[in-house]
């Protein structure tokens, strides 16, 4: 399992190796409702306009549009998806 996050014009794009889109979708919904078991920041979730999930070979890609950057989201995604703190 690996996470690679890159900044884009209006947000970030991440490749999540070894994750299924179903698993990620459930985790994203938990974050949106504030029911996640990790460090979901409600203020951060409000800055996000959209989250697009796509199945790719070897994992999934997630595109997050909004006032967010890789530096801020990387540690949160690492902890939420892998259970590791950076």
PDB file of N, CA and C in Angstrom:
ATOM      1  N   UNK A   1       0.840  -1.187   0.000  1.00  0.00           N
ATOM      2  CA  UNK A   1       0.000   0.000   0.000  1.00  0.00           C
ATOM      3  C   UNK A   1       0.878   1.242   0.000  1.00  0.00           C
ATOM      4  N   UNK A   2       0.586   2.139  -0.905  1.00  0.00           N
ATOM      5  CA  UNK A   2       1.348   3.382  -0.947  1.00  0.00           C
ATOM      6  C   UNK A   2       0.461   4.528  -1.378  1.00  0.00           C
ATOM      7  N   UNK A   3       0.878   5.716  -0.989  1.00  0.00           N
ATOM      8  CA  UNK A   3       0.132   6.923  -1.314  1.00  0.00           C
ATOM      9  C   UNK A   3       1.092   7.921  -1.957  1.00  0.00           C
ATOM     10  N   UNK A   4       0.740   8.404  -3.144  1.00  0.00           N
ATOM     11  CA  UNK A   4       1.525   9.444  -3.816  1.00  0.00           C
ATOM     12  C   UNK A   4       0.588  10.609  -4.096  1.00  0.00           C
ATOM     13  N   UNK A   5       0.911  11.772  -3.529  1.00  0.00           N
ATOM     14  CA  UNK A   5       0.031  12.939  -3.671  1.00  0.00           C
ATOM     15  C   UNK A   5       0.760  14.058  -4.404  1.00  0.00           C
ATOM     16  N   UNK A   6       0.084  14.644  -5.402  1.00  0.00           N
ATOM     17  CA  UNK A   6       0.666  15.776  -6.121  1.00  0.00           C
ATOM     18  C   UNK A   6      -0.330  16.931  -6.144  1.00  0.00           C
ATOM     19  N   UNK A   7       0.207  18.147  -6.079  1.00  0.00           N
ATOM     20  CA  UNK A   7      -0.633  19.339  -6.155  1.00  0.00           C
ATOM     21  C   UNK A   7      -1.100  19.549  -7.587  1.00  0.00           C
ATOM     22  N   UNK A   8      -2.315  20.064  -7.722  1.00  0.00           N
ATOM     23  CA  UNK A   8      -2.870  20.458  -9.012  1.00  0.00           C
ATOM     24  C   UNK A   8      -3.387  21.883  -8.880  1.00  0.00           C
ATOM     25  N   UNK A   9      -3.889  22.436  -9.980  1.00  0.00           N
ATOM     26  CA  UNK A   9      -4.329  23.823  -9.975  1.00  0.00           C
ATOM     27  C   UNK A   9      -5.343  24.123  -8.881  1.00  0.00           C
ATOM     28  N   UNK A  10      -6.386  23.343  -8.767  1.00  0.00           N
ATOM     29  CA  UNK A  10      -7.423  23.614  -7.766  1.00  0.00           C
ATOM     30  C   UNK A  10      -7.551  22.490  -6.758  1.00  0.00           C
ATOM     31  N   UNK A  11      -6.436  21.963  -6.270  1.00  0.00           N
ATOM     32  CA  UNK A  11      -6.507  20.885  -5.299  1.00  0.00           C
ATOM     33  C   UNK A  11      -5.358  19.915  -5.442  1.00  0.00           C
ATOM     34  N   UNK A  12      -5.661  18.621  -5.249  1.00  0.00           N
ATOM     35  CA  UNK A  12      -4.616  17.605  -5.323  1.00  0.00           C
ATOM     36  C   UNK A  12      -5.112  16.380  -6.090  1.00  0.00           C
ATOM     37  N   UNK A  13      -4.149  15.574  -6.518  1.00  0.00           N
ATOM     38  CA  UNK A  13      -4.453  14.273  -7.096  1.00  0.00           C
ATOM     39  C   UNK A  13      -3.572  13.272  -6.378  1.00  0.00           C
ATOM     40  N   UNK A  14      -4.145  12.149  -5.996  1.00  0.00           N
ATOM     41  CA  UNK A  14      -3.381  11.142  -5.268  1.00  0.00           C
ATOM     42  C   UNK A  14      -3.566   9.780  -5.904  1.00  0.00           C
ATOM     43  N   UNK A  15      -2.460   9.026  -5.986  1.00  0.00           N
ATOM     44  CA  UNK A  15      -2.527   7.622  -6.374  1.00  0.00           C
ATOM     45  C   UNK A  15      -2.444   6.815  -5.092  1.00  0.00           C
ATOM     46  N   UNK A  16      -3.396   5.933  -4.895  1.00  0.00           N
ATOM     47  CA  UNK A  16      -3.452   5.113  -3.693  1.00  0.00           C
ATOM     48  C   UNK A  16      -3.300   3.658  -4.113  1.00  0.00           C
ATOM     49  N   UNK A  17      -2.080   3.159  -3.998  1.00  0.00           N
ATOM     50  CA  UNK A  17      -1.789   1.795  -4.415  1.00  0.00           C
ATOM     51  C   UNK A  17      -2.296   0.777  -3.414  1.00  0.00           C
ATOM     52  N   UNK A  18      -3.008  -0.232  -3.916  1.00  0.00           N
ATOM     53  CA  UNK A  18      -3.471  -1.309  -3.059  1.00  0.00           C
ATOM     54  C   UNK A  18      -4.808  -1.056  -2.382  1.00  0.00           C
ATOM     55  N   UNK A  19      -5.483   0.016  -2.752  1.00  0.00           N
ATOM     56  CA  UNK A  19      -6.789   0.317  -2.166  1.00  0.00           C
ATOM     57  C   UNK A  19      -7.878   0.114  -3.212  1.00  0.00           C
ATOM     58  N   UNK A  20      -9.017  -0.425  -2.797  1.00  0.00           N
ATOM     59  CA  UNK A  20     -10.157  -0.544  -3.708  1.00  0.00           C
ATOM     60  C   UNK A  20     -10.986   0.733  -3.608  1.00  0.00           C
ATOM     61  N   UNK A  21     -11.691   1.063  -4.677  1.00  0.00           N
ATOM     62  CA  UNK A  21     -12.507   2.272  -4.660  1.00  0.00           C
ATOM     63  C   UNK A  21     -13.637   2.151  -3.633  1.00  0.00           C
ATOM     64  N   UNK A  22     -14.141   0.920  -3.417  1.00  0.00           N
ATOM     65  CA  UNK A  22     -15.218   0.726  -2.436  1.00  0.00           C
ATOM     66  C   UNK A  22     -14.725   1.068  -1.033  1.00  0.00           C
ATOM     67  N   UNK A  23     -13.530   0.582  -0.703  1.00  0.00           N
ATOM     68  CA  UNK A  23     -12.929   0.836   0.607  1.00  0.00           C
ATOM     69  C   UNK A  23     -12.700   2.333   0.807  1.00  0.00           C
ATOM     70  N   UNK A  24     -12.163   2.984  -0.219  1.00  0.00           N
ATOM     71  CA  UNK A  24     -11.894   4.422  -0.138  1.00  0.00           C
ATOM     72  C   UNK A  24     -13.182   5.228  -0.049  1.00  0.00           C
ATOM     73  N   UNK A  25     -14.181   4.832  -0.812  1.00  0.00           N
ATOM     74  CA  UNK A  25     -15.446   5.541  -0.798  1.00  0.00           C
ATOM     75  C   UNK A  25     -16.066   5.514   0.599  1.00  0.00           C
ATOM     76  N   UNK A  26     -16.003   4.372   1.265  1.00  0.00           N
ATOM     77  CA  UNK A  26     -16.541   4.255   2.622  1.00  0.00           C
ATOM     78  C   UNK A  26     -15.786   5.161   3.591  1.00  0.00           C
ATOM     79  N   UNK A  27     -14.461   5.227   3.450  1.00  0.00           N
ATOM     80  CA  UNK A  27     -13.650   6.076   4.322  1.00  0.00           C
ATOM     81  C   UNK A  27     -13.940   7.559   4.072  1.00  0.00           C
ATOM     82  N   UNK A  28     -14.118   7.930   2.812  1.00  0.00           N
ATOM     83  CA  UNK A  28     -14.419   9.328   2.461  1.00  0.00           C
ATOM     84  C   UNK A  28     -15.773   9.727   3.045  1.00  0.00           C
ATOM     85  N   UNK A  29     -16.766   8.852   2.913  1.00  0.00           N
ATOM     86  CA  UNK A  29     -18.092   9.154   3.466  1.00  0.00           C
ATOM     87  C   UNK A  29     -18.014   9.334   4.978  1.00  0.00           C
ATOM     88  N   UNK A  30     -17.217   8.500   5.644  1.00  0.00           N
ATOM     89  CA  UNK A  30     -17.058   8.610   7.100  1.00  0.00           C
ATOM     90  C   UNK A  30     -16.441   9.963   7.461  1.00  0.00           C
ATOM     91  N   UNK A  31     -15.502  10.435   6.656  1.00  0.00           N
ATOM     92  CA  UNK A  31     -14.881  11.741   6.911  1.00  0.00           C
ATOM     93  C   UNK A  31     -15.886  12.869   6.690  1.00  0.00           C
ATOM     94  N   UNK A  32     -16.695  12.751   5.651  1.00  0.00           N
ATOM     95  CA  UNK A  32     -17.687  13.794   5.344  1.00  0.00           C
ATOM     96  C   UNK A  32     -18.688  13.950   6.482  1.00  0.00           C
ATOM     97  N   UNK A  33     -19.055  12.835   7.109  1.00  0.00           N
ATOM     98  CA  UNK A  33     -20.062  12.882   8.171  1.00  0.00           C
ATOM     99  C   UNK A  33     -19.432  13.065   9.547  1.00  0.00           C
ATOM    100  N   UNK A  34     -18.092  13.059   9.603  1.00  0.00           N
ATOM    101  CA  UNK A  34     -17.412  13.243  10.881  1.00  0.00           C
ATOM    102  C   UNK A  34     -17.361  11.979  11.717  1.00  0.00           C
ATOM    103  N   UNK A  35     -17.640  10.832  11.094  1.00  0.00           N
ATOM    104  CA  UNK A  35     -17.688   9.572  11.826  1.00  0.00           C
ATOM    105  C   UNK A  35     -16.432   8.734  11.635  1.00  0.00           C
ATOM    106  N   UNK A  36     -15.371   9.342  11.144  1.00  0.00           N
ATOM    107  CA  UNK A  36     -14.169   8.560  10.895  1.00  0.00           C
ATOM    108  C   UNK A  36     -13.402   8.343  12.191  1.00  0.00           C
ATOM    109  N   UNK A  37     -12.566   7.317  12.180  1.00  0.00           N
ATOM    110  CA  UNK A  37     -11.820   6.963  13.385  1.00  0.00           C
ATOM    111  C   UNK A  37     -10.462   7.644  13.437  1.00  0.00           C
ATOM    112  N   UNK A  38     -10.147   8.436  12.406  1.00  0.00           N
ATOM    113  CA  UNK A  38      -8.842   9.093  12.361  1.00  0.00           C
ATOM    114  C   UNK A  38      -9.001  10.597  12.524  1.00  0.00           C
ATOM    115  N   UNK A  39      -7.959  11.320  12.200  1.00  0.00           N
ATOM    116  CA  UNK A  39      -7.927  12.766  12.409  1.00  0.00           C
ATOM    117  C   UNK A  39      -8.607  13.516  11.261  1.00  0.00           C
ATOM    118  N   UNK A  40      -9.926  13.386  11.147  1.00  0.00           N
ATOM    119  CA  UNK A  40     -10.671  14.153  10.139  1.00  0.00           C
ATOM    120  C   UNK A  40     -10.905  15.546  10.681  1.00  0.00           C
ATOM    121  N   UNK A  41     -10.500  16.525   9.939  1.00  0.00           N
ATOM    122  CA  UNK A  41     -10.665  17.909  10.357  1.00  0.00           C
ATOM    123  C   UNK A  41     -11.908  18.482   9.663  1.00  0.00           C
ATOM    124  N   UNK A  42     -12.985  18.744  10.421  1.00  0.00           N
ATOM    125  CA  UNK A  42     -14.207  19.277   9.791  1.00  0.00           C
ATOM    126  C   UNK A  42     -13.961  20.572   9.020  1.00  0.00           C
ATOM    127  N   UNK A  43     -13.066  21.428   9.515  1.00  0.00           N
ATOM    128  CA  UNK A  43     -12.750  22.674   8.811  1.00  0.00           C
ATOM    129  C   UNK A  43     -12.108  22.369   7.462  1.00  0.00           C
ATOM    130  N   UNK A  44     -11.259  21.338   7.411  1.00  0.00           N
ATOM    131  CA  UNK A  44     -10.621  20.932   6.153  1.00  0.00           C
ATOM    132  C   UNK A  44     -11.669  20.380   5.186  1.00  0.00           C
ATOM    133  N   UNK A  45     -12.601  19.593   5.688  1.00  0.00           N
ATOM    134  CA  UNK A  45     -13.630  19.024   4.829  1.00  0.00           C
ATOM    135  C   UNK A  45     -14.482  20.128   4.187  1.00  0.00           C
ATOM    136  N   UNK A  46     -14.671  21.250   4.873  1.00  0.00           N
ATOM    137  CA  UNK A  46     -15.466  22.353   4.324  1.00  0.00           C
ATOM    138  C   UNK A  46     -14.746  23.060   3.182  1.00  0.00           C
ATOM    139  N   UNK A  47     -13.421  22.942   3.117  1.00  0.00           N
ATOM    140  CA  UNK A  47     -12.646  23.576   2.043  1.00  0.00           C
ATOM    141  C   UNK A  47     -12.696  22.752   0.759  1.00  0.00           C
ATOM    142  N   UNK A  48     -13.178  21.527   0.861  1.00  0.00           N
ATOM    143  CA  UNK A  48     -13.200  20.621  -0.290  1.00  0.00           C
ATOM    144  C   UNK A  48     -14.508  20.793  -1.058  1.00  0.00           C
ATOM    145  N   UNK A  49     -14.371  21.046  -2.370  1.00  0.00           N
ATOM    146  CA  UNK A  49     -15.548  21.211  -3.221  1.00  0.00           C
ATOM    147  C   UNK A  49     -16.027  19.876  -3.756  1.00  0.00           C
ATOM    148  N   UNK A  50     -15.087  19.033  -4.176  1.00  0.00           N
ATOM    149  CA  UNK A  50     -15.475  17.727  -4.703  1.00  0.00           C
ATOM    150  C   UNK A  50     -14.355  16.714  -4.519  1.00  0.00           C
ATOM    151  N   UNK A  51     -14.762  15.448  -4.461  1.00  0.00           N
ATOM    152  CA  UNK A  51     -13.818  14.339  -4.356  1.00  0.00           C
ATOM    153  C   UNK A  51     -14.213  13.325  -5.422  1.00  0.00           C
ATOM    154  N   UNK A  52     -13.304  13.078  -6.360  1.00  0.00           N
ATOM    155  CA  UNK A  52     -13.568  12.115  -7.426  1.00  0.00           C
ATOM    156  C   UNK A  52     -12.654  10.914  -7.253  1.00  0.00           C
ATOM    157  N   UNK A  53     -13.250   9.748  -7.279  1.00  0.00           N
ATOM    158  CA  UNK A  53     -12.546   8.494  -7.062  1.00  0.00           C
ATOM    159  C   UNK A  53     -12.587   7.679  -8.340  1.00  0.00           C
ATOM    160  N   UNK A  54     -11.459   7.087  -8.709  1.00  0.00           N
ATOM    161  CA  UNK A  54     -11.401   6.318  -9.948  1.00  0.00           C
ATOM    162  C   UNK A  54     -10.539   5.080  -9.734  1.00  0.00           C
ATOM    163  N   UNK A  55     -11.013   3.952 -10.233  1.00  0.00           N
ATOM    164  CA  UNK A  55     -10.245   2.707 -10.175  1.00  0.00           C
ATOM    165  C   UNK A  55      -9.191   2.728 -11.271  1.00  0.00           C
ATOM    166  N   UNK A  56      -7.958   2.413 -10.912  1.00  0.00           N
ATOM    167  CA  UNK A  56      -6.884   2.300 -11.903  1.00  0.00           C
ATOM    168  C   UNK A  56      -6.123   1.010 -11.638  1.00  0.00           C
ATOM    169  N   UNK A  57      -5.270   0.650 -12.557  1.00  0.00           N
ATOM    170  CA  UNK A  57      -4.481  -0.562 -12.416  1.00  0.00           C
ATOM    171  C   UNK A  57      -3.591  -0.461 -11.172  1.00  0.00           C
ATOM    172  N   UNK A  58      -3.746  -1.384 -10.245  1.00  0.00           N
ATOM    173  CA  UNK A  58      -2.894  -1.404  -9.059  1.00  0.00           C
ATOM    174  C   UNK A  58      -3.408  -0.591  -7.891  1.00  0.00           C
ATOM    175  N   UNK A  59      -4.598   0.023  -8.032  1.00  0.00           N
ATOM    176  CA  UNK A  59      -5.127   0.810  -6.924  1.00  0.00           C
ATOM    177  C   UNK A  59      -6.221   1.754  -7.370  1.00  0.00           C
ATOM    178  N   UNK A  60      -6.176   2.958  -6.830  1.00  0.00           N
ATOM    179  CA  UNK A  60      -7.188   3.968  -7.141  1.00  0.00           C
ATOM    180  C   UNK A  60      -6.527   5.329  -7.226  1.00  0.00           C
ATOM    181  N   UNK A  61      -7.186   6.244  -7.941  1.00  0.00           N
ATOM    182  CA  UNK A  61      -6.755   7.640  -7.892  1.00  0.00           C
ATOM    183  C   UNK A  61      -7.895   8.439  -7.284  1.00  0.00           C
ATOM    184  N   UNK A  62      -7.523   9.458  -6.555  1.00  0.00           N
ATOM    185  CA  UNK A  62      -8.499  10.343  -5.938  1.00  0.00           C
ATOM    186  C   UNK A  62      -8.111  11.763  -6.311  1.00  0.00           C
ATOM    187  N   UNK A  63      -9.070  12.515  -6.808  1.00  0.00           N
ATOM    188  CA  UNK A  63      -8.850  13.914  -7.159  1.00  0.00           C
ATOM    189  C   UNK A  63      -9.710  14.751  -6.225  1.00  0.00           C
ATOM    190  N   UNK A  64      -9.066  15.612  -5.459  1.00  0.00           N
ATOM    191  CA  UNK A  64      -9.778  16.465  -4.514  1.00  0.00           C
ATOM    192  C   UNK A  64      -9.677  17.904  -5.011  1.00  0.00           C
ATOM    193  N   UNK A  65     -10.828  18.520  -5.247  1.00  0.00           N
ATOM    194  CA  UNK A  65     -10.878  19.898  -5.717  1.00  0.00           C
ATOM    195  C   UNK A  65     -11.284  20.792  -4.556  1.00  0.00           C
ATOM    196  N   UNK A  66     -10.591  21.910  -4.417  1.00  0.00           N
ATOM    197  CA  UNK A  66     -10.905  22.851  -3.360  1.00  0.00           C
ATOM    198  C   UNK A  66      -9.665  23.579  -2.880  1.00  0.00           C
ATOM    199  N   UNK A  67      -9.786  24.246  -1.762  1.00  0.00           N
ATOM    200  CA  UNK A  67      -8.695  25.037  -1.192  1.00  0.00           C
ATOM    201  C   UNK A  67      -7.822  24.144  -0.312  1.00  0.00           C
ATOM    202  N   UNK A  68      -7.180  23.153  -0.960  1.00  0.00           N
ATOM    203  CA  UNK A  68      -6.356  22.175  -0.232  1.00  0.00           C
ATOM    204  C   UNK A  68      -5.033  21.982  -0.960  1.00  0.00           C
ATOM    205  N   UNK A  69      -4.031  21.476  -0.245  1.00  0.00           N
ATOM    206  CA  UNK A  69      -2.746  21.179  -0.874  1.00  0.00           C
ATOM    207  C   UNK A  69      -2.199  19.865  -0.336  1.00  0.00           C
ATOM    208  N   UNK A  70      -1.252  19.315  -1.069  1.00  0.00           N
ATOM    209  CA  UNK A  70      -0.682  18.012  -0.729  1.00  0.00           C
ATOM    210  C   UNK A  70      -0.012  18.025   0.638  1.00  0.00           C
ATOM    211  N   UNK A  71       0.664  19.116   0.967  1.00  0.00           N
ATOM    212  CA  UNK A  71       1.386  19.204   2.234  1.00  0.00           C
ATOM    213  C   UNK A  71       0.438  19.071   3.431  1.00  0.00           C
ATOM    214  N   UNK A  72      -0.749  19.639   3.310  1.00  0.00           N
ATOM    215  CA  UNK A  72      -1.734  19.578   4.390  1.00  0.00           C
ATOM    216  C   UNK A  72      -2.444  18.231   4.428  1.00  0.00           C
ATOM    217  N   UNK A  73      -2.824  17.726   3.258  1.00  0.00           N
ATOM    218  CA  UNK A  73      -3.618  16.499   3.208  1.00  0.00           C
ATOM    219  C   UNK A  73      -2.804  15.217   3.355  1.00  0.00           C
ATOM    220  N   UNK A  74      -1.541  15.227   2.939  1.00  0.00           N
ATOM    221  CA  UNK A  74      -0.744  14.003   2.982  1.00  0.00           C
ATOM    222  C   UNK A  74      -0.715  13.343   4.365  1.00  0.00           C
ATOM    223  N   UNK A  75      -0.400  14.091   5.440  1.00  0.00           N
ATOM    224  CA  UNK A  75      -0.371  13.428   6.748  1.00  0.00           C
ATOM    225  C   UNK A  75      -1.744  12.909   7.186  1.00  0.00           C
ATOM    226  N   UNK A  76      -2.798  13.643   6.846  1.00  0.00           N
ATOM    227  CA  UNK A  76      -4.151  13.202   7.205  1.00  0.00           C
ATOM    228  C   UNK A  76      -4.523  11.930   6.453  1.00  0.00           C
ATOM    229  N   UNK A  77      -4.219  11.893   5.161  1.00  0.00           N
ATOM    230  CA  UNK A  77      -4.542  10.713   4.356  1.00  0.00           C
ATOM    231  C   UNK A  77      -3.719   9.518   4.813  1.00  0.00           C
ATOM    232  N   UNK A  78      -2.449   9.747   5.116  1.00  0.00           N
ATOM    233  CA  UNK A  78      -1.566   8.686   5.579  1.00  0.00           C
ATOM    234  C   UNK A  78      -2.146   8.041   6.846  1.00  0.00           C
ATOM    235  N   UNK A  79      -2.553   8.889   7.788  1.00  0.00           N
ATOM    236  CA  UNK A  79      -3.083   8.390   9.060  1.00  0.00           C
ATOM    237  C   UNK A  79      -4.433   7.706   8.866  1.00  0.00           C
ATOM    238  N   UNK A  80      -5.313   8.328   8.073  1.00  0.00           N
ATOM    239  CA  UNK A  80      -6.658   7.781   7.890  1.00  0.00           C
ATOM    240  C   UNK A  80      -6.659   6.485   7.094  1.00  0.00           C
ATOM    241  N   UNK A  81      -5.836   6.421   6.062  1.00  0.00           N
ATOM    242  CA  UNK A  81      -5.877   5.253   5.180  1.00  0.00           C
ATOM    243  C   UNK A  81      -4.946   4.132   5.616  1.00  0.00           C
ATOM    244  N   UNK A  82      -3.805   4.487   6.194  1.00  0.00           N
ATOM    245  CA  UNK A  82      -2.839   3.457   6.565  1.00  0.00           C
ATOM    246  C   UNK A  82      -2.728   3.257   8.073  1.00  0.00           C
ATOM    247  N   UNK A  83      -3.267   4.217   8.831  1.00  0.00           N
ATOM    248  CA  UNK A  83      -3.147   4.120  10.281  1.00  0.00           C
ATOM    249  C   UNK A  83      -1.783   4.556  10.784  1.00  0.00           C
ATOM    250  N   UNK A  84      -1.006   5.209   9.916  1.00  0.00           N
ATOM    251  CA  UNK A  84       0.337   5.669  10.275  1.00  0.00           C
ATOM    252  C   UNK A  84       0.351   7.180  10.419  1.00  0.00           C
ATOM    253  N   UNK A  85       1.095   7.663  11.375  1.00  0.00           N
ATOM    254  CA  UNK A  85       1.307   9.095  11.468  1.00  0.00           C
ATOM    255  C   UNK A  85       2.639   9.402  10.822  1.00  0.00           C
ATOM    256  N   UNK A  86       2.674  10.487  10.041  1.00  0.00           N
ATOM    257  CA  UNK A  86       3.932  10.892   9.382  1.00  0.00           C
ATOM    258  C   UNK A  86       4.825  11.617  10.360  1.00  0.00           C
TER     259      UNK A  86
END
